């Protein structure tokens, strides 16, 4: 496998997050989502998600904590 310092760091962080979530994909997703919301609030970013409901992608309308839409 081809590797470099950036990929090695990505793998290290993913493994740490997986361990923190107890290797539960739902908890892992919730953890990542919370990290994204925190970064949005901290850095003033606005990231758009879509939610797939019944096979149809729909925008997520929930703003980050402390951030107006």
PDB file of N, CA and C in Angstrom:
ATOM      1  N   UNK A   1       0.846  -1.175   0.000  1.00  0.00           N
ATOM      2  CA  UNK A   1       0.000   0.000   0.000  1.00  0.00           C
ATOM      3  C   UNK A   1       0.892   1.239   0.000  1.00  0.00           C
ATOM      4  N   UNK A   2       0.523   2.210  -0.822  1.00  0.00           N
ATOM      5  CA  UNK A   2       1.253   3.466  -0.870  1.00  0.00           C
ATOM      6  C   UNK A   2       0.874   4.288   0.355  1.00  0.00           C
ATOM      7  N   UNK A   3       1.867   4.857   1.004  1.00  0.00           N
ATOM      8  CA  UNK A   3       1.599   5.672   2.182  1.00  0.00           C
ATOM      9  C   UNK A   3       2.507   6.900   2.182  1.00  0.00           C
ATOM     10  N   UNK A   4       2.081   7.884   2.902  1.00  0.00           N
ATOM     11  CA  UNK A   4       2.858   9.095   3.110  1.00  0.00           C
ATOM     12  C   UNK A   4       2.432   9.659   4.459  1.00  0.00           C
ATOM     13  N   UNK A   5       3.086  10.700   4.946  1.00  0.00           N
ATOM     14  CA  UNK A   5       2.750  11.207   6.284  1.00  0.00           C
ATOM     15  C   UNK A   5       1.293  11.646   6.437  1.00  0.00           C
ATOM     16  N   UNK A   6       0.696  12.178   5.392  1.00  0.00           N
ATOM     17  CA  UNK A   6      -0.705  12.617   5.480  1.00  0.00           C
ATOM     18  C   UNK A   6      -1.628  11.414   5.626  1.00  0.00           C
ATOM     19  N   UNK A   7      -1.416  10.381   4.818  1.00  0.00           N
ATOM     20  CA  UNK A   7      -2.245   9.174   4.927  1.00  0.00           C
ATOM     21  C   UNK A   7      -2.021   8.464   6.259  1.00  0.00           C
ATOM     22  N   UNK A   8      -0.800   8.454   6.727  1.00  0.00           N
ATOM     23  CA  UNK A   8      -0.511   7.828   8.023  1.00  0.00           C
ATOM     24  C   UNK A   8      -1.257   8.551   9.143  1.00  0.00           C
ATOM     25  N   UNK A   9      -1.290   9.880   9.098  1.00  0.00           N
ATOM     26  CA  UNK A   9      -2.015  10.654  10.117  1.00  0.00           C
ATOM     27  C   UNK A   9      -3.522  10.414  10.016  1.00  0.00           C
ATOM     28  N   UNK A  10      -4.046  10.368   8.793  1.00  0.00           N
ATOM     29  CA  UNK A  10      -5.472  10.080   8.587  1.00  0.00           C
ATOM     30  C   UNK A  10      -5.821   8.721   9.198  1.00  0.00           C
ATOM     31  N   UNK A  11      -5.004   7.717   8.922  1.00  0.00           N
ATOM     32  CA  UNK A  11      -5.247   6.381   9.462  1.00  0.00           C
ATOM     33  C   UNK A  11      -5.176   6.378  10.985  1.00  0.00           C
ATOM     34  N   UNK A  12      -4.200   7.095  11.553  1.00  0.00           N
ATOM     35  CA  UNK A  12      -4.055   7.166  13.009  1.00  0.00           C
ATOM     36  C   UNK A  12      -5.282   7.792  13.650  1.00  0.00           C
ATOM     37  N   UNK A  13      -5.762   8.894  13.057  1.00  0.00           N
ATOM     38  CA  UNK A  13      -6.931   9.590  13.600  1.00  0.00           C
ATOM     39  C   UNK A  13      -8.177   8.726  13.453  1.00  0.00           C
ATOM     40  N   UNK A  14      -8.349   8.087  12.305  1.00  0.00           N
ATOM     41  CA  UNK A  14      -9.516   7.217  12.118  1.00  0.00           C
ATOM     42  C   UNK A  14      -9.521   6.077  13.136  1.00  0.00           C
ATOM     43  N   UNK A  15      -8.375   5.500  13.380  1.00  0.00           N
ATOM     44  CA  UNK A  15      -8.300   4.394  14.341  1.00  0.00           C
ATOM     45  C   UNK A  15      -8.614   4.898  15.752  1.00  0.00           C
ATOM     46  N   UNK A  16      -8.100   6.069  16.108  1.00  0.00           N
ATOM     47  CA  UNK A  16      -8.379   6.633  17.436  1.00  0.00           C
ATOM     48  C   UNK A  16      -9.872   6.914  17.595  1.00  0.00           C
ATOM     49  N   UNK A  17     -10.503   7.442  16.550  1.00  0.00           N
ATOM     50  CA  UNK A  17     -11.940   7.721  16.615  1.00  0.00           C
ATOM     51  C   UNK A  17     -12.747   6.428  16.686  1.00  0.00           C
ATOM     52  N   UNK A  18     -12.330   5.411  15.946  1.00  0.00           N
ATOM     53  CA  UNK A  18     -13.022   4.120  15.987  1.00  0.00           C
ATOM     54  C   UNK A  18     -12.933   3.514  17.385  1.00  0.00           C
ATOM     55  N   UNK A  19     -11.764   3.584  17.986  1.00  0.00           N
ATOM     56  CA  UNK A  19     -11.602   3.068  19.352  1.00  0.00           C
ATOM     57  C   UNK A  19     -12.468   3.850  20.322  1.00  0.00           C
ATOM     58  N   UNK A  20     -12.482   5.178  20.167  1.00  0.00           N
ATOM     59  CA  UNK A  20     -13.285   6.037  21.053  1.00  0.00           C
ATOM     60  C   UNK A  20     -14.779   5.710  20.926  1.00  0.00           C
ATOM     61  N   UNK A  21     -15.198   5.326  19.719  1.00  0.00           N
ATOM     62  CA  UNK A  21     -16.600   4.991  19.487  1.00  0.00           C
ATOM     63  C   UNK A  21     -16.903   3.536  19.816  1.00  0.00           C
ATOM     64  N   UNK A  22     -15.921   2.809  20.305  1.00  0.00           N
ATOM     65  CA  UNK A  22     -16.139   1.401  20.628  1.00  0.00           C
ATOM     66  C   UNK A  22     -16.397   0.558  19.388  1.00  0.00           C
ATOM     67  N   UNK A  23     -15.861   0.986  18.250  1.00  0.00           N
ATOM     68  CA  UNK A  23     -16.004   0.290  16.966  1.00  0.00           C
ATOM     69  C   UNK A  23     -17.464   0.150  16.539  1.00  0.00           C
ATOM     70  N   UNK A  24     -18.302   1.048  17.012  1.00  0.00           N
ATOM     71  CA  UNK A  24     -19.721   1.086  16.634  1.00  0.00           C
ATOM     72  C   UNK A  24     -19.881   2.154  15.555  1.00  0.00           C
ATOM     73  N   UNK A  25     -20.345   1.746  14.374  1.00  0.00           N
ATOM     74  CA  UNK A  25     -20.417   2.676  13.240  1.00  0.00           C
ATOM     75  C   UNK A  25     -21.384   3.832  13.517  1.00  0.00           C
ATOM     76  N   UNK A  26     -22.438   3.581  14.269  1.00  0.00           N
ATOM     77  CA  UNK A  26     -23.385   4.658  14.583  1.00  0.00           C
ATOM     78  C   UNK A  26     -22.751   5.677  15.536  1.00  0.00           C
ATOM     79  N   UNK A  27     -22.072   5.178  16.554  1.00  0.00           N
ATOM     80  CA  UNK A  27     -21.384   6.083  17.481  1.00  0.00           C
ATOM     81  C   UNK A  27     -20.263   6.841  16.772  1.00  0.00           C
ATOM     82  N   UNK A  28     -19.553   6.150  15.865  1.00  0.00           N
ATOM     83  CA  UNK A  28     -18.483   6.781  15.084  1.00  0.00           C
ATOM     84  C   UNK A  28     -19.063   7.932  14.256  1.00  0.00           C
ATOM     85  N   UNK A  29     -20.180   7.693  13.597  1.00  0.00           N
ATOM     86  CA  UNK A  29     -20.824   8.735  12.788  1.00  0.00           C
ATOM     87  C   UNK A  29     -21.268   9.911  13.649  1.00  0.00           C
ATOM     88  N   UNK A  30     -21.841   9.631  14.809  1.00  0.00           N
ATOM     89  CA  UNK A  30     -22.262  10.696  15.711  1.00  0.00           C
ATOM     90  C   UNK A  30     -21.064  11.503  16.190  1.00  0.00           C
ATOM     91  N   UNK A  31     -19.967  10.824  16.491  1.00  0.00           N
ATOM     92  CA  UNK A  31     -18.753  11.493  16.937  1.00  0.00           C
ATOM     93  C   UNK A  31     -18.207  12.416  15.840  1.00  0.00           C
ATOM     94  N   UNK A  32     -18.128  11.913  14.621  1.00  0.00           N
ATOM     95  CA  UNK A  32     -17.647  12.718  13.494  1.00  0.00           C
ATOM     96  C   UNK A  32     -18.564  13.909  13.275  1.00  0.00           C
ATOM     97  N   UNK A  33     -19.867  13.687  13.331  1.00  0.00           N
ATOM     98  CA  UNK A  33     -20.828  14.774  13.135  1.00  0.00           C
ATOM     99  C   UNK A  33     -20.627  15.864  14.189  1.00  0.00           C
ATOM    100  N   UNK A  34     -20.440  15.474  15.446  1.00  0.00           N
ATOM    101  CA  UNK A  34     -20.229  16.452  16.505  1.00  0.00           C
ATOM    102  C   UNK A  34     -18.931  17.227  16.297  1.00  0.00           C
ATOM    103  N   UNK A  35     -17.887  16.545  15.845  1.00  0.00           N
ATOM    104  CA  UNK A  35     -16.619  17.220  15.553  1.00  0.00           C
ATOM    105  C   UNK A  35     -16.812  18.254  14.458  1.00  0.00           C
ATOM    106  N   UNK A  36     -17.569  17.901  13.426  1.00  0.00           N
ATOM    107  CA  UNK A  36     -17.837  18.841  12.333  1.00  0.00           C
ATOM    108  C   UNK A  36     -18.627  20.042  12.841  1.00  0.00           C
ATOM    109  N   UNK A  37     -19.649  19.809  13.657  1.00  0.00           N
ATOM    110  CA  UNK A  37     -20.430  20.923  14.203  1.00  0.00           C
ATOM    111  C   UNK A  37     -19.565  21.846  15.054  1.00  0.00           C
ATOM    112  N   UNK A  38     -18.676  21.255  15.862  1.00  0.00           N
ATOM    113  CA  UNK A  38     -17.772  22.057  16.690  1.00  0.00           C
ATOM    114  C   UNK A  38     -16.828  22.893  15.826  1.00  0.00           C
ATOM    115  N   UNK A  39     -16.304  22.298  14.764  1.00  0.00           N
ATOM    116  CA  UNK A  39     -15.399  23.035  13.878  1.00  0.00           C
ATOM    117  C   UNK A  39     -16.128  24.158  13.153  1.00  0.00           C
ATOM    118  N   UNK A  40     -17.374  23.903  12.763  1.00  0.00           N
ATOM    119  CA  UNK A  40     -18.164  24.961  12.122  1.00  0.00           C
ATOM    120  C   UNK A  40     -18.307  26.154  13.058  1.00  0.00           C
ATOM    121  N   UNK A  41     -18.641  25.872  14.302  1.00  0.00           N
ATOM    122  CA  UNK A  41     -18.826  26.946  15.272  1.00  0.00           C
ATOM    123  C   UNK A  41     -17.505  27.655  15.566  1.00  0.00           C
ATOM    124  N   UNK A  42     -16.433  26.889  15.718  1.00  0.00           N
ATOM    125  CA  UNK A  42     -15.142  27.465  16.079  1.00  0.00           C
ATOM    126  C   UNK A  42     -14.546  28.308  14.961  1.00  0.00           C
ATOM    127  N   UNK A  43     -14.680  27.864  13.719  1.00  0.00           N
ATOM    128  CA  UNK A  43     -14.013  28.542  12.607  1.00  0.00           C
ATOM    129  C   UNK A  43     -14.975  29.315  11.702  1.00  0.00           C
ATOM    130  N   UNK A  44     -16.262  29.334  12.056  1.00  0.00           N
ATOM    131  CA  UNK A  44     -17.226  30.066  11.249  1.00  0.00           C
ATOM    132  C   UNK A  44     -17.499  29.434   9.895  1.00  0.00           C
ATOM    133  N   UNK A  45     -17.355  28.134   9.814  1.00  0.00           N
ATOM    134  CA  UNK A  45     -17.599  27.425   8.563  1.00  0.00           C
ATOM    135  C   UNK A  45     -19.079  27.098   8.425  1.00  0.00           C
ATOM    136  N   UNK A  46     -19.509  26.878   7.212  1.00  0.00           N
ATOM    137  CA  UNK A  46     -20.867  26.391   6.976  1.00  0.00           C
ATOM    138  C   UNK A  46     -20.766  25.227   6.012  1.00  0.00           C
ATOM    139  N   UNK A  47     -20.916  24.021   6.539  1.00  0.00           N
ATOM    140  CA  UNK A  47     -20.865  22.820   5.725  1.00  0.00           C
ATOM    141  C   UNK A  47     -22.279  22.299   5.543  1.00  0.00           C
ATOM    142  N   UNK A  48     -22.602  21.881   4.346  1.00  0.00           N
ATOM    143  CA  UNK A  48     -23.945  21.393   4.056  1.00  0.00           C
ATOM    144  C   UNK A  48     -23.936  19.874   3.971  1.00  0.00           C
ATOM    145  N   UNK A  49     -24.856  19.279   4.662  1.00  0.00           N
ATOM    146  CA  UNK A  49     -25.061  17.841   4.620  1.00  0.00           C
ATOM    147  C   UNK A  49     -26.333  17.570   3.823  1.00  0.00           C
ATOM    148  N   UNK A  50     -26.469  16.354   3.396  1.00  0.00           N
ATOM    149  CA  UNK A  50     -27.743  15.893   2.867  1.00  0.00           C
ATOM    150  C   UNK A  50     -28.154  14.690   3.682  1.00  0.00           C
ATOM    151  N   UNK A  51     -29.441  14.508   3.819  1.00  0.00           N
ATOM    152  CA  UNK A  51     -29.972  13.370   4.545  1.00  0.00           C
ATOM    153  C   UNK A  51     -30.759  12.533   3.552  1.00  0.00           C
ATOM    154  N   UNK A  52     -30.409  11.276   3.457  1.00  0.00           N
ATOM    155  CA  UNK A  52     -31.111  10.397   2.532  1.00  0.00           C
ATOM    156  C   UNK A  52     -32.294   9.793   3.254  1.00  0.00           C
ATOM    157  N   UNK A  53     -33.482  10.188   2.823  1.00  0.00           N
ATOM    158  CA  UNK A  53     -34.706   9.704   3.439  1.00  0.00           C
ATOM    159  C   UNK A  53     -35.539   9.037   2.352  1.00  0.00           C
ATOM    160  N   UNK A  54     -35.849   7.783   2.538  1.00  0.00           N
ATOM    161  CA  UNK A  54     -36.619   7.020   1.546  1.00  0.00           C
ATOM    162  C   UNK A  54     -35.955   7.056   0.177  1.00  0.00           C
ATOM    163  N   UNK A  55     -34.615   7.033   0.162  1.00  0.00           N
ATOM    164  CA  UNK A  55     -33.898   6.996  -1.100  1.00  0.00           C
ATOM    165  C   UNK A  55     -33.731   8.346  -1.770  1.00  0.00           C
ATOM    166  N   UNK A  56     -34.180   9.410  -1.125  1.00  0.00           N
ATOM    167  CA  UNK A  56     -34.105  10.747  -1.711  1.00  0.00           C
ATOM    168  C   UNK A  56     -33.210  11.604  -0.827  1.00  0.00           C
ATOM    169  N   UNK A  57     -32.252  12.275  -1.429  1.00  0.00           N
ATOM    170  CA  UNK A  57     -31.379  13.149  -0.662  1.00  0.00           C
ATOM    171  C   UNK A  57     -32.077  14.474  -0.401  1.00  0.00           C
ATOM    172  N   UNK A  58     -32.052  14.895   0.851  1.00  0.00           N
ATOM    173  CA  UNK A  58     -32.666  16.153   1.247  1.00  0.00           C
ATOM    174  C   UNK A  58     -31.667  16.922   2.093  1.00  0.00           C
ATOM    175  N   UNK A  59     -31.660  18.259   1.979  1.00  0.00           N
ATOM    176  CA  UNK A  59     -30.700  19.038   2.781  1.00  0.00           C
ATOM    177  C   UNK A  59     -30.994  18.936   4.264  1.00  0.00           C
ATOM    178  N   UNK A  60     -29.936  18.956   5.054  1.00  0.00           N
ATOM    179  CA  UNK A  60     -30.050  18.997   6.496  1.00  0.00           C
ATOM    180  C   UNK A  60     -30.202  20.448   6.898  1.00  0.00           C
ATOM    181  N   UNK A  61     -31.217  20.758   7.675  1.00  0.00           N
ATOM    182  CA  UNK A  61     -31.503  22.159   8.007  1.00  0.00           C
ATOM    183  C   UNK A  61     -31.112  22.505   9.426  1.00  0.00           C
ATOM    184  N   UNK A  62     -30.470  21.609  10.131  1.00  0.00           N
ATOM    185  CA  UNK A  62     -30.067  21.856  11.518  1.00  0.00           C
ATOM    186  C   UNK A  62     -28.749  22.644  11.544  1.00  0.00           C
ATOM    187  N   UNK A  63     -28.750  23.898  12.040  1.00  0.00           N
ATOM    188  CA  UNK A  63     -27.503  24.659  12.108  1.00  0.00           C
ATOM    189  C   UNK A  63     -26.620  24.174  13.245  1.00  0.00           C
ATOM    190  N   UNK A  64     -25.364  24.506  13.166  1.00  0.00           N
ATOM    191  CA  UNK A  64     -24.415  24.164  14.228  1.00  0.00           C
ATOM    192  C   UNK A  64     -24.789  24.927  15.489  1.00  0.00           C
ATOM    193  N   UNK A  65     -24.391  24.383  16.629  1.00  0.00           N
ATOM    194  CA  UNK A  65     -24.675  25.028  17.908  1.00  0.00           C
ATOM    195  C   UNK A  65     -24.092  26.439  17.921  1.00  0.00           C
ATOM    196  N   UNK A  66     -24.920  27.426  18.248  1.00  0.00           N
ATOM    197  CA  UNK A  66     -24.459  28.796  18.325  1.00  0.00           C
ATOM    198  C   UNK A  66     -24.269  29.460  16.991  1.00  0.00           C
ATOM    199  N   UNK A  67     -24.769  28.861  15.920  1.00  0.00           N
ATOM    200  CA  UNK A  67     -24.562  29.418  14.587  1.00  0.00           C
ATOM    201  C   UNK A  67     -25.917  29.575  13.902  1.00  0.00           C
ATOM    202  N   UNK A  68     -26.177  30.754  13.389  1.00  0.00           N
ATOM    203  CA  UNK A  68     -27.423  30.986  12.669  1.00  0.00           C
ATOM    204  C   UNK A  68     -27.323  30.403  11.270  1.00  0.00           C
ATOM    205  N   UNK A  69     -28.479  30.084  10.713  1.00  0.00           N
ATOM    206  CA  UNK A  69     -28.489  29.565   9.352  1.00  0.00           C
ATOM    207  C   UNK A  69     -28.271  30.610   8.316  1.00  0.00           C
TER     208      UNK A  69
END
